[in-house]
Structures are given as C-alpha cells and as structure tokens.
Amino acid sequence: MKKFADLTEREVLAVAISSEEEDSRIYISFAEDLAERYPDSAKIFEEMAEEEKGHRHMLLEMYQQRFGPNLPPIRRDDVKGFLRRRPIWLTKNLSLDAIRKEAETMEFEAERFYARAAEQASDVGVRRLLGDLAELEKGHETLASQLTQSLTPDVRAAEEKTRHRMFVLQYVQPGLAGLMDGSVSTLAPLFAAAFATHHNWQTFLVGLAASIGAGISMGFAEALSDDGSMTGRGSPWLRGGICGLMTTLGGLGHTMPYLVPDSWPNAFWIATAIAGAVVFVELWIIAYVRARYMDTPFMQAVFQIVLGGAIVLGVGILIGAA
C-alpha cells in the first residue's frame, strides 16, 4: 500500500474518481434497501448518490484536462489510512441508525481526504477543485448526521414505527424464542435429574449440558431458517447468536441454584426451592415481554407461558420421582 504523501496529483485524482463512484453505488444500495421500510430517507440517499456522481464528473473533467483519458489502476484500498468500506452484501438490512452512521463516517473520511489532497496539490485548478469538494463533503457529513431532523414530524413518526417493528423482528423475536425454549424445554430434564438423583452436582451438570446444547441447536436453527433477504429480519448469524445466547441463559437461570454444595444440610431442597422461584420469575418475564412487544394480551401470555411451563415442570418431577 502507498502512503498518501507519496501519491502524485494524477493518482490523487484517480483515487478521488474511483471513491466517488464507489460511494455513489453504496448510497444507491442504501436507498434500495430502505425504499420499502423508510421511503423518505431512501430519497435522501438517492439525492446524495446523484451528488456523488456529479463530483465524479467534475473530477473526470479536471483529470482529462490535466492527464488525458487513461486512469491509473489505483483505488483507496491501495492507500494507507483509508477506512475500509463494508462490502455491499453486508449493508443489507442494517438498521436506519447504522446506515446513517455509516454515511456520516463515509462523508467525514471524504472531507478529510479532499482537504489533505488540496494541501498537497501544486496545480491551482486542482487545488481549488479539491478544496471545493472538501466543503461539499463537509455539508454532506452534516446532512448525514441530521437525516432525522431533515424529515417532517409525520415522516419521523412513521419511520419510528418501522424502526420499532424492525427491532422486534431482528432482536426481540429471536431473543424471546430462545428465552422461551431455554426456560421451558430444559425444565423437564433438569428436574427429572434432580428428583432422580437428589444430588445437586449431577443435576447441575445435566442442566448445564441441556442449556448449552439447546443454545447451540436453537442458534443454528434460527440462523439457517431465514437469511433475512425477503423478511427484512436482519443478519441470520446475529439473530442466531441472540437466539442461542438467550436459550442458554434461559436454561442456566434455574440450573445455577444446583451449585449449592451437597455437603450443606438439606442442600437438595434449598437448591430446588431457589430453582423453582427462578422458574417462576423467568416465566413471568417471558409473559411480560410477549405482552409488551408481541401484542399478546398479558393474561393470555401468562396463561400460555406459565401454564405450559408448569406442565413441563410437573412432567420432569414425575419422571424423576418414578
């Protein structure tokens, strides 16, 4: 990679041309991705993409005047100090805030590049053009950081509603599915082991294995079930990670009490009582989250989750005591 200070004027202009072209494509990609979810923000990114194309034409005209029609094969990835842009396929289904932050970073870097390039240029015309572009990019940076403020209150309200829906789809839904599975499905093997052995350590090992195994299984199942391209549910591996982590935590919640040493008097009953209390709290938390984010009536959520959990718990105890 070349140092920025070692670039010739010809190479500086070539890097600028390729950078404007790439940034324009990225903004178009943002606009296409946001078109259905946030149409008004998508229009702003379309306008920014058109401006980047205009900058590219200005730079090309200056380059042709100075150096002719042939561009050297150099891009910003060949120069030290540039931040790497996300590959286009990693910008799909980003949150609106993440896209705005990405645009703000892009424009800040472009403004710094043009400002430094203008200082380094010896040709008056090139220096003036690069200085003007630095000011334009600075304006873009401000626009990118104020995209929300540039929209009307009604549009912001609509986008906030969409943002909430995307948050539920990408984070709450997989997390809740994992928490439900971890909290409920591990009850039967944990309490079956507890009442079969009456030994806390063996019960803890069973609960630990069940929790981690369920977390791995649920994580892969969630990640492989939907790549997010059609549903807009975001990165499959992020959802899978959230689902797997919450599944594991859901199982570990009522497994940890069985770390009570077997040497304690009534250790088994102490651990079981604590685990039962933890289960009760877990099930009510799940019911609350379902009512809060999934538009499920609270009492219906309580009936579904608490009753289901109680049945699984009872099955585990009966099997273990048999």
Protein backbone atom coordinates (compact mmCIF):
# COMPACT_ATOMS: atom_id res chain seq x y z
CA MET A 1 0.00 0.00 0.00
CA LYS A 2 1.19 3.52 -0.80
CA LYS A 3 1.43 6.33 1.70
CA PHE A 4 -0.88 9.25 0.99
CA ALA A 5 2.06 11.66 0.92
CA ASP A 6 3.66 9.62 -1.89
CA LEU A 7 0.70 9.96 -4.26
CA THR A 8 1.13 12.06 -7.38
CA GLU A 9 -1.58 14.53 -8.43
CA ARG A 10 -2.64 12.10 -11.11
CA GLU A 11 -3.01 9.30 -8.55
CA VAL A 12 -4.88 11.57 -6.11
CA LEU A 13 -7.44 12.43 -8.78
CA ALA A 14 -7.73 8.78 -9.82
CA VAL A 15 -8.37 7.72 -6.22
CA ALA A 16 -10.93 10.50 -5.84
CA ILE A 17 -12.76 9.43 -9.02
CA SER A 18 -12.97 5.77 -8.01
CA SER A 19 -14.00 6.76 -4.46
CA GLU A 20 -16.86 8.95 -5.66
CA GLU A 21 -18.06 6.17 -7.96
CA GLU A 22 -17.98 3.62 -5.15
CA ASP A 23 -19.68 5.94 -2.66
CA SER A 24 -22.43 6.64 -5.18
CA ARG A 25 -23.06 2.90 -5.56
CA ILE A 26 -23.13 2.47 -1.78
CA TYR A 27 -25.71 5.26 -1.40
CA ILE A 28 -27.84 3.73 -4.14
CA SER A 29 -27.58 0.42 -2.28
CA PHE A 30 -28.73 2.15 0.92
CA ALA A 31 -31.62 3.75 -0.95
CA GLU A 32 -32.74 0.42 -2.45
CA ASP A 33 -32.52 -1.29 0.93
CA LEU A 34 -34.51 1.47 2.67
CA ALA A 35 -37.08 2.04 -0.09
CA GLU A 36 -39.78 -0.18 1.40
CA ARG A 37 -39.06 0.47 5.08
CA TYR A 38 -38.09 4.17 5.06
CA PRO A 39 -39.01 5.71 1.66
CA ASP A 40 -38.30 9.31 2.66
CA SER A 41 -34.82 8.53 3.94
CA ALA A 42 -34.26 6.46 0.80
CA LYS A 43 -34.93 9.57 -1.34
CA ILE A 44 -32.27 11.49 0.58
CA PHE A 45 -29.72 8.75 -0.12
CA GLU A 46 -30.71 8.79 -3.81
CA GLU A 47 -30.02 12.54 -3.88
CA MET A 48 -26.66 12.01 -2.17
CA ALA A 49 -25.79 9.34 -4.74
CA GLU A 50 -26.58 11.76 -7.58
CA GLU A 51 -24.36 14.40 -5.98
CA GLU A 52 -21.51 11.90 -5.74
CA LYS A 53 -21.95 11.22 -9.48
CA GLY A 54 -21.73 14.96 -10.08
CA HIS A 55 -18.49 15.12 -8.08
CA ARG A 56 -17.11 12.26 -10.17
CA HIS A 57 -17.88 14.12 -13.42
CA MET A 58 -16.14 17.25 -12.12
CA LEU A 59 -13.07 15.23 -11.18
CA LEU A 60 -13.05 13.39 -14.52
CA GLU A 61 -13.14 16.67 -16.44
CA MET A 62 -10.22 18.01 -14.41
CA TYR A 63 -8.31 14.75 -14.85
CA GLN A 64 -8.82 14.69 -18.63
CA GLN A 65 -7.67 18.30 -18.93
CA ARG A 66 -4.50 17.56 -16.98
CA PHE A 67 -3.59 13.96 -17.78
CA GLY A 68 -5.70 12.67 -20.68
CA PRO A 69 -8.33 9.90 -20.84
CA ASN A 70 -6.49 7.00 -19.19
CA LEU A 71 -6.90 6.44 -15.44
CA PRO A 72 -4.18 4.60 -13.47
CA PRO A 73 -5.45 1.44 -11.72
CA ILE A 74 -5.36 2.79 -8.16
CA ARG A 75 -8.15 2.85 -5.57
CA ARG A 76 -8.40 3.98 -1.96
CA ASP A 77 -7.86 0.37 -0.84
CA ASP A 78 -4.33 0.76 -2.23
CA VAL A 79 -3.58 3.78 0.00
CA LYS A 80 -2.72 3.64 3.69
CA GLY A 81 -5.05 5.42 6.10
CA PHE A 82 -8.40 4.88 4.41
CA LEU A 83 -11.15 3.12 6.34
CA ARG A 84 -12.40 0.02 4.58
CA ARG A 85 -15.98 0.24 3.35
CA ARG A 86 -18.37 -2.56 4.23
CA PRO A 87 -18.88 -4.98 1.34
CA ILE A 88 -22.23 -4.22 -0.27
CA TRP A 89 -23.71 -7.54 0.84
CA LEU A 90 -23.03 -6.60 4.50
CA THR A 91 -25.04 -3.38 4.23
CA LYS A 92 -28.30 -5.24 3.59
CA ASN A 93 -30.93 -4.98 6.34
CA LEU A 94 -28.86 -2.68 8.54
CA SER A 95 -30.87 -0.56 10.94
CA LEU A 96 -31.60 3.01 9.84
CA ASP A 97 -29.34 4.37 12.59
CA ALA A 98 -26.49 2.11 11.46
CA ILE A 99 -26.88 3.28 7.85
CA ARG A 100 -26.94 6.93 8.91
CA LYS A 101 -23.79 6.40 10.98
CA GLU A 102 -22.14 4.65 8.05
CA ALA A 103 -22.97 7.58 5.75
CA GLU A 104 -21.69 10.09 8.30
CA THR A 105 -18.38 8.19 8.54
CA MET A 106 -18.08 8.00 4.74
CA GLU A 107 -18.58 11.73 4.32
CA PHE A 108 -16.20 12.61 7.16
CA GLU A 109 -13.49 10.49 5.56
CA ALA A 110 -14.14 12.01 2.11
CA GLU A 111 -13.93 15.56 3.52
CA ARG A 112 -10.59 14.78 5.22
CA PHE A 113 -9.25 13.20 2.01
CA TYR A 114 -10.09 16.23 -0.13
CA ALA A 115 -8.76 18.66 2.46
CA ARG A 116 -5.42 16.85 2.64
CA ALA A 117 -5.27 16.36 -1.12
CA ALA A 118 -5.88 20.10 -1.67
CA GLU A 119 -2.98 20.95 0.64
CA GLN A 120 -0.74 18.61 -1.33
CA ALA A 121 -1.78 19.74 -4.83
CA SER A 122 0.52 22.11 -6.71
CA ASP A 123 -1.78 22.92 -9.64
CA VAL A 124 -4.05 25.87 -8.80
CA GLY A 125 -7.09 24.45 -10.60
CA VAL A 126 -6.75 21.04 -8.97
CA ARG A 127 -6.22 22.66 -5.57
CA ARG A 128 -9.35 24.78 -5.96
CA LEU A 129 -11.48 21.83 -7.11
CA LEU A 130 -10.34 19.61 -4.24
CA GLY A 131 -10.97 22.41 -1.74
CA ASP A 132 -14.47 22.93 -3.11
CA LEU A 133 -15.18 19.20 -2.89
CA ALA A 134 -13.96 19.16 0.71
CA GLU A 135 -16.55 21.82 1.56
CA LEU A 136 -19.28 19.92 -0.29
CA GLU A 137 -18.44 16.69 1.53
CA LYS A 138 -18.46 18.57 4.83
CA GLY A 139 -22.02 19.62 4.01
CA HIS A 140 -22.86 16.00 3.24
CA GLU A 141 -21.41 14.94 6.59
CA THR A 142 -23.72 17.40 8.34
CA LEU A 143 -26.67 16.14 6.29
CA ALA A 144 -25.84 12.53 7.12
CA SER A 145 -25.69 13.30 10.84
CA GLN A 146 -29.01 15.21 10.68
CA LEU A 147 -31.03 12.92 8.43
CA THR A 148 -33.68 12.51 11.12
CA GLN A 149 -34.02 16.27 11.66
CA SER A 150 -34.42 16.87 7.92
CA LEU A 151 -37.64 14.84 7.84
CA THR A 152 -41.11 16.08 8.76
CA PRO A 153 -42.66 15.03 12.11
CA ASP A 154 -45.16 12.73 10.38
CA VAL A 155 -42.38 11.01 8.42
CA ARG A 156 -40.25 10.65 11.55
CA ALA A 157 -43.21 9.12 13.39
CA ALA A 158 -43.77 6.63 10.56
CA GLU A 159 -40.06 5.75 10.47
CA GLU A 160 -40.00 5.36 14.25
CA LYS A 161 -42.89 2.91 13.98
CA THR A 162 -40.99 0.98 11.29
CA ARG A 163 -37.82 1.07 13.40
CA HIS A 164 -39.74 -0.44 16.32
CA ARG A 165 -41.10 -3.18 14.09
CA MET A 166 -37.60 -3.96 12.77
CA PHE A 167 -36.22 -4.03 16.33
CA VAL A 168 -38.86 -6.57 17.27
CA LEU A 169 -38.17 -8.70 14.18
CA GLN A 170 -34.39 -8.63 14.44
CA TYR A 171 -33.79 -8.70 18.20
CA VAL A 172 -36.87 -9.28 20.36
CA GLN A 173 -38.38 -12.13 18.38
CA PRO A 174 -35.27 -14.38 18.21
CA GLY A 175 -34.34 -13.46 21.78
CA LEU A 176 -37.81 -14.29 23.06
CA ALA A 177 -37.91 -17.57 21.13
CA GLY A 178 -34.58 -18.53 22.68
CA LEU A 179 -35.59 -17.50 26.19
CA MET A 180 -38.84 -19.45 25.94
CA ASP A 181 -37.09 -22.56 24.66
CA GLY A 182 -34.28 -22.36 27.20
CA SER A 183 -36.54 -21.66 30.15
CA VAL A 184 -39.24 -24.20 29.34
CA SER A 185 -37.59 -27.06 27.44
CA THR A 186 -34.80 -27.55 29.99
CA LEU A 187 -37.21 -27.81 32.91
CA ALA A 188 -38.07 -31.47 32.30
CA PRO A 189 -34.51 -32.88 32.06
CA LEU A 190 -33.26 -30.67 34.93
CA PHE A 191 -35.95 -31.55 37.44
CA ALA A 192 -36.08 -35.17 36.29
CA ALA A 193 -32.35 -35.42 37.08
CA ALA A 194 -32.87 -33.58 40.37
CA PHE A 195 -35.59 -35.86 41.70
CA ALA A 196 -33.95 -38.98 40.29
CA THR A 197 -30.58 -38.39 41.95
CA HIS A 198 -31.18 -35.93 44.81
CA HIS A 199 -27.60 -34.77 44.13
CA ASN A 200 -27.03 -31.14 43.27
CA TRP A 201 -23.79 -31.54 41.32
CA GLN A 202 -25.12 -34.22 38.97
CA THR A 203 -28.27 -32.14 38.48
CA PHE A 204 -26.16 -29.07 37.68
CA LEU A 205 -24.20 -30.99 35.03
CA VAL A 206 -27.42 -32.18 33.39
CA GLY A 207 -28.83 -28.64 33.40
CA LEU A 208 -25.58 -27.19 32.04
CA ALA A 209 -25.44 -29.73 29.22
CA ALA A 210 -29.13 -29.21 28.38
CA SER A 211 -28.75 -25.40 28.37
CA ILE A 212 -25.64 -25.26 26.19
CA GLY A 213 -26.90 -27.98 23.85
CA ALA A 214 -30.24 -26.24 23.45
CA GLY A 215 -28.47 -22.91 22.85
CA ILE A 216 -26.31 -24.34 20.07
CA SER A 217 -29.27 -26.11 18.47
CA MET A 218 -31.58 -23.08 18.62
CA GLY A 219 -28.84 -20.74 17.40
CA PHE A 220 -28.18 -22.78 14.26
CA ALA A 221 -31.89 -23.38 13.69
CA GLU A 222 -32.62 -19.64 13.78
CA ALA A 223 -29.63 -18.71 11.60
CA LEU A 224 -30.43 -21.30 8.94
CA SER A 225 -34.18 -20.74 8.89
CA ASP A 226 -34.17 -17.29 7.25
CA ASP A 227 -31.38 -15.27 5.61
CA GLY A 228 -33.35 -12.04 6.07
CA SER A 229 -33.34 -11.11 2.38
CA MET A 230 -37.11 -11.38 1.97
CA THR A 231 -38.37 -10.79 5.51
CA GLY A 232 -36.02 -7.95 6.46
CA ARG A 233 -35.20 -9.68 9.74
CA GLY A 234 -31.52 -8.77 9.54
CA SER A 235 -28.33 -10.82 9.64
CA PRO A 236 -29.11 -14.52 10.17
CA TRP A 237 -25.98 -15.02 12.25
CA LEU A 238 -26.82 -12.08 14.52
CA ARG A 239 -30.32 -13.47 15.06
CA GLY A 240 -28.89 -16.95 15.58
CA GLY A 241 -26.39 -15.62 18.10
CA ILE A 242 -29.10 -13.76 20.03
CA CYS A 243 -31.41 -16.77 19.98
CA GLY A 244 -28.67 -19.20 21.05
CA LEU A 245 -27.43 -16.92 23.82
CA MET A 246 -30.90 -16.34 25.25
CA THR A 247 -31.67 -20.05 25.06
CA THR A 248 -28.56 -20.83 27.07
CA LEU A 249 -29.28 -18.10 29.62
CA GLY A 250 -32.87 -19.28 29.96
CA GLY A 251 -31.68 -22.76 30.89
CA LEU A 252 -28.83 -21.62 33.12
CA GLY A 253 -31.15 -19.44 35.21
CA HIS A 254 -32.72 -22.37 37.03
CA THR A 255 -29.60 -24.56 36.70
CA MET A 256 -27.28 -22.30 38.74
CA PRO A 257 -29.07 -22.89 42.09
CA TYR A 258 -27.84 -26.50 41.96
CA LEU A 259 -24.33 -25.24 42.60
CA VAL A 260 -25.35 -25.29 46.27
CA PRO A 261 -22.83 -27.79 47.78
CA ASP A 262 -24.20 -31.24 48.55
CA SER A 263 -22.47 -31.02 51.93
CA TRP A 264 -24.94 -28.41 53.17
CA PRO A 265 -27.88 -29.61 55.32
CA ASN A 266 -30.96 -30.03 53.12
CA ALA A 267 -28.85 -28.87 50.16
CA PHE A 268 -31.12 -30.53 47.60
CA TRP A 269 -34.31 -28.88 48.88
CA ILE A 270 -32.62 -25.48 49.21
CA ALA A 271 -31.39 -25.64 45.61
CA THR A 272 -34.74 -26.91 44.34
CA ALA A 273 -36.66 -24.16 46.15
CA ILE A 274 -34.39 -21.49 44.67
CA ALA A 275 -34.65 -23.06 41.21
CA GLY A 276 -38.44 -23.12 41.49
CA ALA A 277 -38.50 -19.43 42.40
CA VAL A 278 -36.21 -18.64 39.45
CA VAL A 279 -38.50 -20.58 37.11
CA PHE A 280 -41.48 -18.58 38.36
CA VAL A 281 -39.69 -15.28 37.69
CA GLU A 282 -38.47 -16.44 34.24
CA LEU A 283 -41.95 -17.40 33.12
CA TRP A 284 -43.44 -14.08 34.22
CA ILE A 285 -40.65 -12.18 32.43
CA ILE A 286 -41.41 -14.11 29.24
CA ALA A 287 -45.12 -13.35 29.62
CA TYR A 288 -44.34 -9.64 30.08
CA VAL A 289 -42.08 -9.49 27.00
CA ARG A 290 -44.71 -11.23 24.89
CA ALA A 291 -47.35 -8.78 26.06
CA ARG A 292 -45.04 -5.76 25.63
CA TYR A 293 -43.56 -6.47 22.20
CA MET A 294 -45.63 -9.19 20.53
CA ASP A 295 -49.07 -7.59 21.00
CA THR A 296 -50.29 -10.55 23.05
CA PRO A 297 -52.83 -9.74 25.82
CA PHE A 298 -51.00 -10.02 29.14
CA MET A 299 -53.34 -12.55 30.76
CA GLN A 300 -53.30 -14.68 27.61
CA ALA A 301 -49.49 -14.60 27.63
CA VAL A 302 -49.46 -15.55 31.31
CA PHE A 303 -51.86 -18.42 30.69
CA GLN A 304 -49.84 -19.76 27.75
CA ILE A 305 -46.37 -19.45 29.26
CA VAL A 306 -46.93 -20.07 32.97
CA LEU A 307 -49.35 -22.94 32.40
CA GLY A 308 -47.08 -24.52 29.77
CA GLY A 309 -44.03 -24.14 32.00
CA ALA A 310 -45.88 -25.62 34.98
CA ILE A 311 -46.89 -28.67 32.91
CA VAL A 312 -43.31 -29.26 31.72
CA LEU A 313 -42.02 -28.80 35.26
CA GLY A 314 -44.56 -31.29 36.58
CA VAL A 315 -43.62 -33.84 33.89
CA GLY A 316 -39.95 -33.57 34.85
CA ILE A 317 -40.68 -34.07 38.54
CA LEU A 318 -42.97 -37.04 37.91
CA ILE A 319 -40.43 -38.76 35.65
CA GLY A 320 -37.59 -38.11 38.06
CA ALA A 321 -39.53 -39.38 41.06
CA ALA A 322 -40.76 -42.51 39.30
